[in-house]
Every structure is written in structure tokens, then in C-alpha cells.
Amino acid sequence: MVALKGSEILASDKKLIEKFQKEPLPKDIALDDLIRYLELYGFEIIKNRGKGSHYIAKHKNLDRPFTIPSKNGKTVNFVYLKELNRIIKKMEE
């Protein structure tokens, strides 16, 4: 489940997890929220070194990194949110 660096999950983190686990998945999720959500599940997030607005999500249980392009550095396309949510659900099985 959630891999936190502390012993407790903050209330704000619980709300964030609930937001991502809603069906249907909200389409208006901010990039910062996605990054925090992925970090809660043990992902390492790396900002692209170039001038682009891409991020790379790495996890020890994934075969390869997942590239996350952002819109204007603030939001993420719904397709990527859906795929990342599917990956996390699969990891929880």
C-alpha cells in the first residue's frame, strides 16, 4: 500500500489518495497533486533536465520509468492520470 517516510498519513494525504481513487477519476488534477500522490506510493519523481515540462516517475516495481508530460507545468492530461492510477492499482494487488 502507501509507502510513507513517517508512521502516519497526514489528513491532507488521505484526501489526496481519496481524490485519486474516485470513480470516475477527476479530470482536473494539478501536477503538484499528482507528484505528491506518486511519492506516497514510493515513486521517485525526476524533472526533465531540458527546457520541456516532462517529469519521469520511477518505481522499484516497474520495469521502466513512466514519462509524464504536463500542460503549462500545472496540469496533466487525463490519459496519463488514468494510466498511472491503473499502474498503482495493479501494484497494490
PDB file of N, CA and C in Angstrom:
ATOM      1  N   MET A   1       0.830  -1.181   0.000  1.00  0.00           N
ATOM      2  CA  MET A   1       0.000   0.000   0.000  1.00  0.00           C
ATOM      3  C   MET A   1       0.878   1.249   0.000  1.00  0.00           C
ATOM      4  N   VAL A   2       0.520   2.241   0.753  1.00  0.00           N
ATOM      5  CA  VAL A   2       1.229   3.518   0.747  1.00  0.00           C
ATOM      6  C   VAL A   2       2.561   3.384   1.465  1.00  0.00           C
ATOM      7  N   ALA A   3       3.604   3.834   0.820  1.00  0.00           N
ATOM      8  CA  ALA A   3       4.936   3.788   1.415  1.00  0.00           C
ATOM      9  C   ALA A   3       5.303   5.182   1.892  1.00  0.00           C
ATOM     10  N   LEU A   4       5.060   5.459   3.138  1.00  0.00           N
ATOM     11  CA  LEU A   4       5.357   6.776   3.687  1.00  0.00           C
ATOM     12  C   LEU A   4       6.666   6.762   4.455  1.00  0.00           C
ATOM     13  N   LYS A   5       7.262   7.928   4.574  1.00  0.00           N
ATOM     14  CA  LYS A   5       8.517   8.044   5.305  1.00  0.00           C
ATOM     15  C   LYS A   5       8.290   8.213   6.796  1.00  0.00           C
ATOM     16  N   GLY A   6       7.064   8.431   7.198  1.00  0.00           N
ATOM     17  CA  GLY A   6       6.727   8.559   8.609  1.00  0.00           C
ATOM     18  C   GLY A   6       5.787   7.436   9.001  1.00  0.00           C
ATOM     19  N   SER A   7       5.318   7.461  10.232  1.00  0.00           N
ATOM     20  CA  SER A   7       4.448   6.384  10.688  1.00  0.00           C
ATOM     21  C   SER A   7       2.973   6.679  10.459  1.00  0.00           C
ATOM     22  N   GLU A   8       2.639   7.922  10.139  1.00  0.00           N
ATOM     23  CA  GLU A   8       1.243   8.292   9.967  1.00  0.00           C
ATOM     24  C   GLU A   8       1.022   8.958   8.623  1.00  0.00           C
ATOM     25  N   ILE A   9      -0.198   8.826   8.129  1.00  0.00           N
ATOM     26  CA  ILE A   9      -0.590   9.520   6.911  1.00  0.00           C
ATOM     27  C   ILE A   9      -1.280  10.804   7.328  1.00  0.00           C
ATOM     28  N   LEU A  10      -0.859  11.910   6.770  1.00  0.00           N
ATOM     29  CA  LEU A  10      -1.481  13.188   7.077  1.00  0.00           C
ATOM     30  C   LEU A  10      -2.906  13.230   6.530  1.00  0.00           C
ATOM     31  N   ALA A  11      -3.749  14.012   7.161  1.00  0.00           N
ATOM     32  CA  ALA A  11      -5.139  14.145   6.705  1.00  0.00           C
ATOM     33  C   ALA A  11      -5.185  14.645   5.267  1.00  0.00           C
ATOM     34  N   SER A  12      -4.305  15.575   4.923  1.00  0.00           N
ATOM     35  CA  SER A  12      -4.284  16.100   3.555  1.00  0.00           C
ATOM     36  C   SER A  12      -3.881  15.019   2.553  1.00  0.00           C
ATOM     37  N   ASP A  13      -2.987  14.097   2.980  1.00  0.00           N
ATOM     38  CA  ASP A  13      -2.596  12.990   2.113  1.00  0.00           C
ATOM     39  C   ASP A  13      -3.737  11.995   1.942  1.00  0.00           C
ATOM     40  N   LYS A  14      -4.503  11.765   2.999  1.00  0.00           N
ATOM     41  CA  LYS A  14      -5.660  10.878   2.898  1.00  0.00           C
ATOM     42  C   LYS A  14      -6.663  11.423   1.890  1.00  0.00           C
ATOM     43  N   LYS A  15      -6.903  12.740   1.936  1.00  0.00           N
ATOM     44  CA  LYS A  15      -7.828  13.371   0.996  1.00  0.00           C
ATOM     45  C   LYS A  15      -7.304  13.250  -0.429  1.00  0.00           C
ATOM     46  N   LEU A  16      -6.004  13.407  -0.586  1.00  0.00           N
ATOM     47  CA  LEU A  16      -5.402  13.300  -1.905  1.00  0.00           C
ATOM     48  C   LEU A  16      -5.553  11.888  -2.465  1.00  0.00           C
ATOM     49  N   ILE A  17      -5.305  10.883  -1.629  1.00  0.00           N
ATOM     50  CA  ILE A  17      -5.462   9.492  -2.056  1.00  0.00           C
ATOM     51  C   ILE A  17      -6.911   9.222  -2.442  1.00  0.00           C
ATOM     52  N   GLU A  18      -7.853   9.712  -1.645  1.00  0.00           N
ATOM     53  CA  GLU A  18      -9.269   9.534  -1.955  1.00  0.00           C
ATOM     54  C   GLU A  18      -9.627  10.204  -3.281  1.00  0.00           C
ATOM     55  N   LYS A  19      -9.044  11.356  -3.537  1.00  0.00           N
ATOM     56  CA  LYS A  19      -9.305  12.076  -4.787  1.00  0.00           C
ATOM     57  C   LYS A  19      -8.893  11.243  -5.993  1.00  0.00           C
ATOM     58  N   PHE A  20      -7.749  10.576  -5.890  1.00  0.00           N
ATOM     59  CA  PHE A  20      -7.249   9.771  -6.998  1.00  0.00           C
ATOM     60  C   PHE A  20      -7.968   8.431  -7.124  1.00  0.00           C
ATOM     61  N   GLN A  21      -8.598   7.975  -6.066  1.00  0.00           N
ATOM     62  CA  GLN A  21      -9.266   6.677  -6.111  1.00  0.00           C
ATOM     63  C   GLN A  21     -10.752   6.784  -6.420  1.00  0.00           C
ATOM     64  N   LYS A  22     -11.234   8.005  -6.650  1.00  0.00           N
ATOM     65  CA  LYS A  22     -12.633   8.207  -7.017  1.00  0.00           C
ATOM     66  C   LYS A  22     -12.907   7.606  -8.383  1.00  0.00           C
ATOM     67  N   GLU A  23     -14.125   7.132  -8.548  1.00  0.00           N
ATOM     68  CA  GLU A  23     -14.587   6.671  -9.857  1.00  0.00           C
ATOM     69  C   GLU A  23     -15.761   7.522 -10.252  1.00  0.00           C
ATOM     70  N   PRO A  24     -15.757   8.187 -11.348  1.00  0.00           N
ATOM     71  CA  PRO A  24     -14.638   8.290 -12.292  1.00  0.00           C
ATOM     72  C   PRO A  24     -13.551   9.224 -11.763  1.00  0.00           C
ATOM     73  N   LEU A  25     -12.370   9.026 -12.265  1.00  0.00           N
ATOM     74  CA  LEU A  25     -11.219   9.830 -11.866  1.00  0.00           C
ATOM     75  C   LEU A  25     -11.435  11.279 -12.288  1.00  0.00           C
ATOM     76  N   PRO A  26     -11.239  12.243 -11.381  1.00  0.00           N
ATOM     77  CA  PRO A  26     -11.406  13.651 -11.755  1.00  0.00           C
ATOM     78  C   PRO A  26     -10.431  14.042 -12.870  1.00  0.00           C
ATOM     79  N   LYS A  27     -10.876  14.924 -13.738  1.00  0.00           N
ATOM     80  CA  LYS A  27     -10.030  15.339 -14.860  1.00  0.00           C
ATOM     81  C   LYS A  27      -9.249  16.614 -14.571  1.00  0.00           C
ATOM     82  N   ASP A  28      -9.450  17.192 -13.402  1.00  0.00           N
ATOM     83  CA  ASP A  28      -8.828  18.480 -13.088  1.00  0.00           C
ATOM     84  C   ASP A  28      -7.784  18.370 -11.980  1.00  0.00           C
ATOM     85  N   ILE A  29      -6.908  17.388 -12.078  1.00  0.00           N
ATOM     86  CA  ILE A  29      -5.904  17.175 -11.036  1.00  0.00           C
ATOM     87  C   ILE A  29      -4.629  17.945 -11.383  1.00  0.00           C
ATOM     88  N   ALA A  30      -4.147  18.695 -10.420  1.00  0.00           N
ATOM     89  CA  ALA A  30      -2.943  19.506 -10.610  1.00  0.00           C
ATOM     90  C   ALA A  30      -1.689  18.628 -10.616  1.00  0.00           C
ATOM     91  N   LEU A  31      -0.683  19.080 -11.325  1.00  0.00           N
ATOM     92  CA  LEU A  31       0.592  18.368 -11.410  1.00  0.00           C
ATOM     93  C   LEU A  31       1.197  18.160 -10.022  1.00  0.00           C
ATOM     94  N   ASP A  32       1.163  19.172  -9.177  1.00  0.00           N
ATOM     95  CA  ASP A  32       1.722  19.051  -7.819  1.00  0.00           C
ATOM     96  C   ASP A  32       1.014  17.961  -7.023  1.00  0.00           C
ATOM     97  N   ASP A  33      -0.303  17.836  -7.194  1.00  0.00           N
ATOM     98  CA  ASP A  33      -1.054  16.782  -6.502  1.00  0.00           C
ATOM     99  C   ASP A  33      -0.647  15.404  -7.013  1.00  0.00           C
ATOM    100  N   LEU A  34      -0.471  15.285  -8.319  1.00  0.00           N
ATOM    101  CA  LEU A  34      -0.051  14.004  -8.897  1.00  0.00           C
ATOM    102  C   LEU A  34       1.325  13.606  -8.378  1.00  0.00           C
ATOM    103  N   ILE A  35       2.243  14.557  -8.333  1.00  0.00           N
ATOM    104  CA  ILE A  35       3.594  14.266  -7.852  1.00  0.00           C
ATOM    105  C   ILE A  35       3.544  13.795  -6.399  1.00  0.00           C
ATOM    106  N   ARG A  36       2.791  14.471  -5.557  1.00  0.00           N
ATOM    107  CA  ARG A  36       2.676  14.074  -4.145  1.00  0.00           C
ATOM    108  C   ARG A  36       2.052  12.683  -4.024  1.00  0.00           C
ATOM    109  N   TYR A  37       1.009  12.422  -4.806  1.00  0.00           N
ATOM    110  CA  TYR A  37       0.339  11.121  -4.795  1.00  0.00           C
ATOM    111  C   TYR A  37       1.319  10.006  -5.167  1.00  0.00           C
ATOM    112  N   LEU A  38       2.091  10.215  -6.207  1.00  0.00           N
ATOM    113  CA  LEU A  38       3.064   9.208  -6.628  1.00  0.00           C
ATOM    114  C   LEU A  38       4.148   9.011  -5.571  1.00  0.00           C
ATOM    115  N   GLU A  39       4.584  10.085  -4.946  1.00  0.00           N
ATOM    116  CA  GLU A  39       5.595   9.964  -3.887  1.00  0.00           C
ATOM    117  C   GLU A  39       5.057   9.156  -2.704  1.00  0.00           C
ATOM    118  N   LEU A  40       3.778   9.280  -2.408  1.00  0.00           N
ATOM    119  CA  LEU A  40       3.176   8.492  -1.324  1.00  0.00           C
ATOM    120  C   LEU A  40       3.256   6.999  -1.608  1.00  0.00           C
ATOM    121  N   TYR A  41       3.271   6.642  -2.876  1.00  0.00           N
ATOM    122  CA  TYR A  41       3.354   5.244  -3.277  1.00  0.00           C
ATOM    123  C   TYR A  41       4.780   4.810  -3.607  1.00  0.00           C
ATOM    124  N   GLY A  42       5.743   5.600  -3.208  1.00  0.00           N
ATOM    125  CA  GLY A  42       7.140   5.195  -3.344  1.00  0.00           C
ATOM    126  C   GLY A  42       7.789   5.533  -4.672  1.00  0.00           C
ATOM    127  N   PHE A  43       7.156   6.355  -5.497  1.00  0.00           N
ATOM    128  CA  PHE A  43       7.755   6.753  -6.760  1.00  0.00           C
ATOM    129  C   PHE A  43       8.803   7.834  -6.522  1.00  0.00           C
ATOM    130  N   GLU A  44       9.822   7.807  -7.343  1.00  0.00           N
ATOM    131  CA  GLU A  44      10.816   8.875  -7.377  1.00  0.00           C
ATOM    132  C   GLU A  44      10.470   9.720  -8.591  1.00  0.00           C
ATOM    133  N   ILE A  45      10.301  11.015  -8.404  1.00  0.00           N
ATOM    134  CA  ILE A  45       9.923  11.913  -9.490  1.00  0.00           C
ATOM    135  C   ILE A  45      11.131  12.750  -9.885  1.00  0.00           C
ATOM    136  N   ILE A  46      11.442  12.730 -11.170  1.00  0.00           N
ATOM    137  CA  ILE A  46      12.602  13.451 -11.682  1.00  0.00           C
ATOM    138  C   ILE A  46      12.118  14.452 -12.727  1.00  0.00           C
ATOM    139  N   LYS A  47      12.495  15.713 -12.545  1.00  0.00           N
ATOM    140  CA  LYS A  47      12.155  16.754 -13.522  1.00  0.00           C
ATOM    141  C   LYS A  47      13.085  16.610 -14.704  1.00  0.00           C
ATOM    142  N   ASN A  48      12.514  16.706 -15.901  1.00  0.00           N
ATOM    143  CA  ASN A  48      13.316  16.629 -17.109  1.00  0.00           C
ATOM    144  C   ASN A  48      14.395  17.705 -17.067  1.00  0.00           C
ATOM    145  N   ARG A  49      15.597  17.346 -17.449  1.00  0.00           N
ATOM    146  CA  ARG A  49      16.714  18.286 -17.390  1.00  0.00           C
ATOM    147  C   ARG A  49      16.672  19.335 -18.489  1.00  0.00           C
ATOM    148  N   GLY A  50      15.911  19.073 -19.527  1.00  0.00           N
ATOM    149  CA  GLY A  50      15.815  20.043 -20.622  1.00  0.00           C
ATOM    150  C   GLY A  50      14.846  21.156 -20.272  1.00  0.00           C
ATOM    151  N   LYS A  51      14.480  21.921 -21.272  1.00  0.00           N
ATOM    152  CA  LYS A  51      13.579  23.032 -21.025  1.00  0.00           C
ATOM    153  C   LYS A  51      12.109  22.616 -21.105  1.00  0.00           C
ATOM    154  N   GLY A  52      11.832  21.373 -21.394  1.00  0.00           N
ATOM    155  CA  GLY A  52      10.462  20.891 -21.507  1.00  0.00           C
ATOM    156  C   GLY A  52       9.776  20.745 -20.158  1.00  0.00           C
ATOM    157  N   SER A  53       8.505  20.368 -20.215  1.00  0.00           N
ATOM    158  CA  SER A  53       7.726  20.247 -18.986  1.00  0.00           C
ATOM    159  C   SER A  53       7.391  18.788 -18.687  1.00  0.00           C
ATOM    160  N   HIS A  54       8.323  17.902 -18.962  1.00  0.00           N
ATOM    161  CA  HIS A  54       8.129  16.482 -18.700  1.00  0.00           C
ATOM    162  C   HIS A  54       8.758  16.084 -17.362  1.00  0.00           C
ATOM    163  N   TYR A  55       8.109  15.125 -16.714  1.00  0.00           N
ATOM    164  CA  TYR A  55       8.624  14.540 -15.481  1.00  0.00           C
ATOM    165  C   TYR A  55       8.769  13.042 -15.713  1.00  0.00           C
ATOM    166  N   ILE A  56       9.657  12.420 -14.978  1.00  0.00           N
ATOM    167  CA  ILE A  56       9.851  10.978 -15.077  1.00  0.00           C
ATOM    168  C   ILE A  56       9.544  10.375 -13.717  1.00  0.00           C
ATOM    169  N   ALA A  57       8.684   9.368 -13.713  1.00  0.00           N
ATOM    170  CA  ALA A  57       8.319   8.667 -12.479  1.00  0.00           C
ATOM    171  C   ALA A  57       8.975   7.294 -12.506  1.00  0.00           C
ATOM    172  N   LYS A  58       9.800   7.020 -11.493  1.00  0.00           N
ATOM    173  CA  LYS A  58      10.477   5.726 -11.377  1.00  0.00           C
ATOM    174  C   LYS A  58       9.984   5.031 -10.117  1.00  0.00           C
ATOM    175  N   HIS A  59       9.880   3.711 -10.201  1.00  0.00           N
ATOM    176  CA  HIS A  59       9.493   2.906  -9.040  1.00  0.00           C
ATOM    177  C   HIS A  59      10.225   1.579  -9.140  1.00  0.00           C
ATOM    178  N   LYS A  60      10.633   1.057  -8.002  1.00  0.00           N
ATOM    179  CA  LYS A  60      11.409  -0.191  -7.999  1.00  0.00           C
ATOM    180  C   LYS A  60      10.623  -1.371  -8.556  1.00  0.00           C
ATOM    181  N   ASN A  61       9.290  -1.313  -8.544  1.00  0.00           N
ATOM    182  CA  ASN A  61       8.466  -2.414  -9.039  1.00  0.00           C
ATOM    183  C   ASN A  61       8.058  -2.268 -10.506  1.00  0.00           C
ATOM    184  N   LEU A  62       8.524  -1.211 -11.163  1.00  0.00           N
ATOM    185  CA  LEU A  62       8.216  -1.010 -12.579  1.00  0.00           C
ATOM    186  C   LEU A  62       9.420  -1.388 -13.426  1.00  0.00           C
ATOM    187  N   ASP A  63       9.144  -1.984 -14.583  1.00  0.00           N
ATOM    188  CA  ASP A  63      10.217  -2.379 -15.489  1.00  0.00           C
ATOM    189  C   ASP A  63      10.941  -1.186 -16.086  1.00  0.00           C
ATOM    190  N   ARG A  64      10.183  -0.129 -16.326  1.00  0.00           N
ATOM    191  CA  ARG A  64      10.778   1.058 -16.945  1.00  0.00           C
ATOM    192  C   ARG A  64      10.129   2.314 -16.374  1.00  0.00           C
ATOM    193  N   PRO A  65      10.799   3.436 -16.483  1.00  0.00           N
ATOM    194  CA  PRO A  65      10.224   4.689 -15.982  1.00  0.00           C
ATOM    195  C   PRO A  65       9.012   5.112 -16.799  1.00  0.00           C
ATOM    196  N   PHE A  66       8.159   5.923 -16.190  1.00  0.00           N
ATOM    197  CA  PHE A  66       6.952   6.425 -16.832  1.00  0.00           C
ATOM    198  C   PHE A  66       7.125   7.927 -17.033  1.00  0.00           C
ATOM    199  N   THR A  67       7.010   8.385 -18.278  1.00  0.00           N
ATOM    200  CA  THR A  67       7.153   9.804 -18.579  1.00  0.00           C
ATOM    201  C   THR A  67       5.805  10.501 -18.441  1.00  0.00           C
ATOM    202  N   ILE A  68       5.805  11.634 -17.758  1.00  0.00           N
ATOM    203  CA  ILE A  68       4.589  12.401 -17.521  1.00  0.00           C
ATOM    204  C   ILE A  68       4.761  13.793 -18.121  1.00  0.00           C
ATOM    205  N   PRO A  69       4.129  14.054 -19.267  1.00  0.00           N
ATOM    206  CA  PRO A  69       4.167  15.413 -19.793  1.00  0.00           C
ATOM    207  C   PRO A  69       3.108  16.259 -19.094  1.00  0.00           C
ATOM    208  N   SER A  70       3.423  17.503 -18.821  1.00  0.00           N
ATOM    209  CA  SER A  70       2.443  18.375 -18.174  1.00  0.00           C
ATOM    210  C   SER A  70       2.049  19.500 -19.115  1.00  0.00           C
ATOM    211  N   LYS A  71       0.853  20.019 -18.891  1.00  0.00           N
ATOM    212  CA  LYS A  71       0.370  21.152 -19.673  1.00  0.00           C
ATOM    213  C   LYS A  71       0.738  22.432 -18.927  1.00  0.00           C
ATOM    214  N   ASN A  72       1.569  23.237 -19.518  1.00  0.00           N
ATOM    215  CA  ASN A  72       1.985  24.511 -18.916  1.00  0.00           C
ATOM    216  C   ASN A  72       2.611  24.337 -17.542  1.00  0.00           C
ATOM    217  N   GLY A  73       3.088  23.149 -17.225  1.00  0.00           N
ATOM    218  CA  GLY A  73       3.712  22.900 -15.933  1.00  0.00           C
ATOM    219  C   GLY A  73       2.740  22.889 -14.768  1.00  0.00           C
ATOM    220  N   LYS A  74       1.428  22.853 -15.034  1.00  0.00           N
ATOM    221  CA  LYS A  74       0.443  22.936 -13.958  1.00  0.00           C
ATOM    222  C   LYS A  74      -0.526  21.769 -13.908  1.00  0.00           C
ATOM    223  N   THR A  75      -0.869  21.198 -15.041  1.00  0.00           N
ATOM    224  CA  THR A  75      -1.833  20.095 -15.075  1.00  0.00           C
ATOM    225  C   THR A  75      -1.287  18.948 -15.906  1.00  0.00           C
ATOM    226  N   VAL A  76      -1.958  17.802 -15.805  1.00  0.00           N
ATOM    227  CA  VAL A  76      -1.549  16.605 -16.527  1.00  0.00           C
ATOM    228  C   VAL A  76      -2.739  16.114 -17.331  1.00  0.00           C
ATOM    229  N   ASN A  77      -2.491  15.661 -18.538  1.00  0.00           N
ATOM    230  CA  ASN A  77      -3.539  15.127 -19.393  1.00  0.00           C
ATOM    231  C   ASN A  77      -4.207  13.935 -18.712  1.00  0.00           C
ATOM    232  N   PHE A  78      -5.517  13.848 -18.845  1.00  0.00           N
ATOM    233  CA  PHE A  78      -6.309  12.807 -18.204  1.00  0.00           C
ATOM    234  C   PHE A  78      -5.828  11.397 -18.551  1.00  0.00           C
ATOM    235  N   VAL A  79      -5.357  11.185 -19.766  1.00  0.00           N
ATOM    236  CA  VAL A  79      -4.891   9.857 -20.193  1.00  0.00           C
ATOM    237  C   VAL A  79      -3.748   9.366 -19.306  1.00  0.00           C
ATOM    238  N   TYR A  80      -2.852  10.259 -18.942  1.00  0.00           N
ATOM    239  CA  TYR A  80      -1.712   9.885 -18.105  1.00  0.00           C
ATOM    240  C   TYR A  80      -2.151   9.628 -16.658  1.00  0.00           C
ATOM    241  N   LEU A  81      -3.098  10.421 -16.189  1.00  0.00           N
ATOM    242  CA  LEU A  81      -3.639  10.196 -14.840  1.00  0.00           C
ATOM    243  C   LEU A  81      -4.262   8.813 -14.746  1.00  0.00           C
ATOM    244  N   LYS A  82      -5.037   8.479 -15.745  1.00  0.00           N
ATOM    245  CA  LYS A  82      -5.726   7.188 -15.770  1.00  0.00           C
ATOM    246  C   LYS A  82      -4.722   6.027 -15.802  1.00  0.00           C
ATOM    247  N   GLU A  83      -3.696   6.150 -16.623  1.00  0.00           N
ATOM    248  CA  GLU A  83      -2.690   5.091 -16.735  1.00  0.00           C
ATOM    249  C   GLU A  83      -1.889   4.937 -15.435  1.00  0.00           C
ATOM    250  N   LEU A  84      -1.503   6.037 -14.830  1.00  0.00           N
ATOM    251  CA  LEU A  84      -0.764   5.957 -13.568  1.00  0.00           C
ATOM    252  C   LEU A  84      -1.627   5.362 -12.464  1.00  0.00           C
ATOM    253  N   ASN A  85      -2.893   5.704 -12.451  1.00  0.00           N
ATOM    254  CA  ASN A  85      -3.804   5.139 -11.457  1.00  0.00           C
ATOM    255  C   ASN A  85      -3.944   3.631 -11.663  1.00  0.00           C
ATOM    256  N   ARG A  86      -4.003   3.198 -12.922  1.00  0.00           N
ATOM    257  CA  ARG A  86      -4.081   1.767 -13.237  1.00  0.00           C
ATOM    258  C   ARG A  86      -2.810   1.040 -12.764  1.00  0.00           C
ATOM    259  N   ILE A  87      -1.657   1.660 -12.968  1.00  0.00           N
ATOM    260  CA  ILE A  87      -0.391   1.068 -12.549  1.00  0.00           C
ATOM    261  C   ILE A  87      -0.361   0.906 -11.017  1.00  0.00           C
ATOM    262  N   ILE A  88      -0.797   1.926 -10.297  1.00  0.00           N
ATOM    263  CA  ILE A  88      -0.791   1.860  -8.834  1.00  0.00           C
ATOM    264  C   ILE A  88      -1.758   0.790  -8.343  1.00  0.00           C
ATOM    265  N   LYS A  89      -2.941   0.712  -8.921  1.00  0.00           N
ATOM    266  CA  LYS A  89      -3.895  -0.329  -8.519  1.00  0.00           C
ATOM    267  C   LYS A  89      -3.315  -1.724  -8.753  1.00  0.00           C
ATOM    268  N   LYS A  90      -2.629  -1.889  -9.873  1.00  0.00           N
ATOM    269  CA  LYS A  90      -2.004  -3.181 -10.190  1.00  0.00           C
ATOM    270  C   LYS A  90      -0.902  -3.510  -9.170  1.00  0.00           C
ATOM    271  N   MET A  91      -0.147  -2.493  -8.756  1.00  0.00           N
ATOM    272  CA  MET A  91       0.922  -2.707  -7.780  1.00  0.00           C
ATOM    273  C   MET A  91       0.366  -3.115  -6.427  1.00  0.00           C
ATOM    274  N   GLU A  92      -0.846  -2.666  -6.106  1.00  0.00           N
ATOM    275  CA  GLU A  92      -1.455  -2.976  -4.809  1.00  0.00           C
ATOM    276  C   GLU A  92      -1.982  -4.409  -4.731  1.00  0.00           C
ATOM    277  N   GLU A  93      -2.158  -5.063  -5.880  1.00  0.00           N
ATOM    278  CA  GLU A  93      -2.696  -6.436  -5.889  1.00  0.00           C
ATOM    279  C   GLU A  93      -1.728  -7.426  -5.311  1.00  0.00           C
TER     280      GLU A  93
END
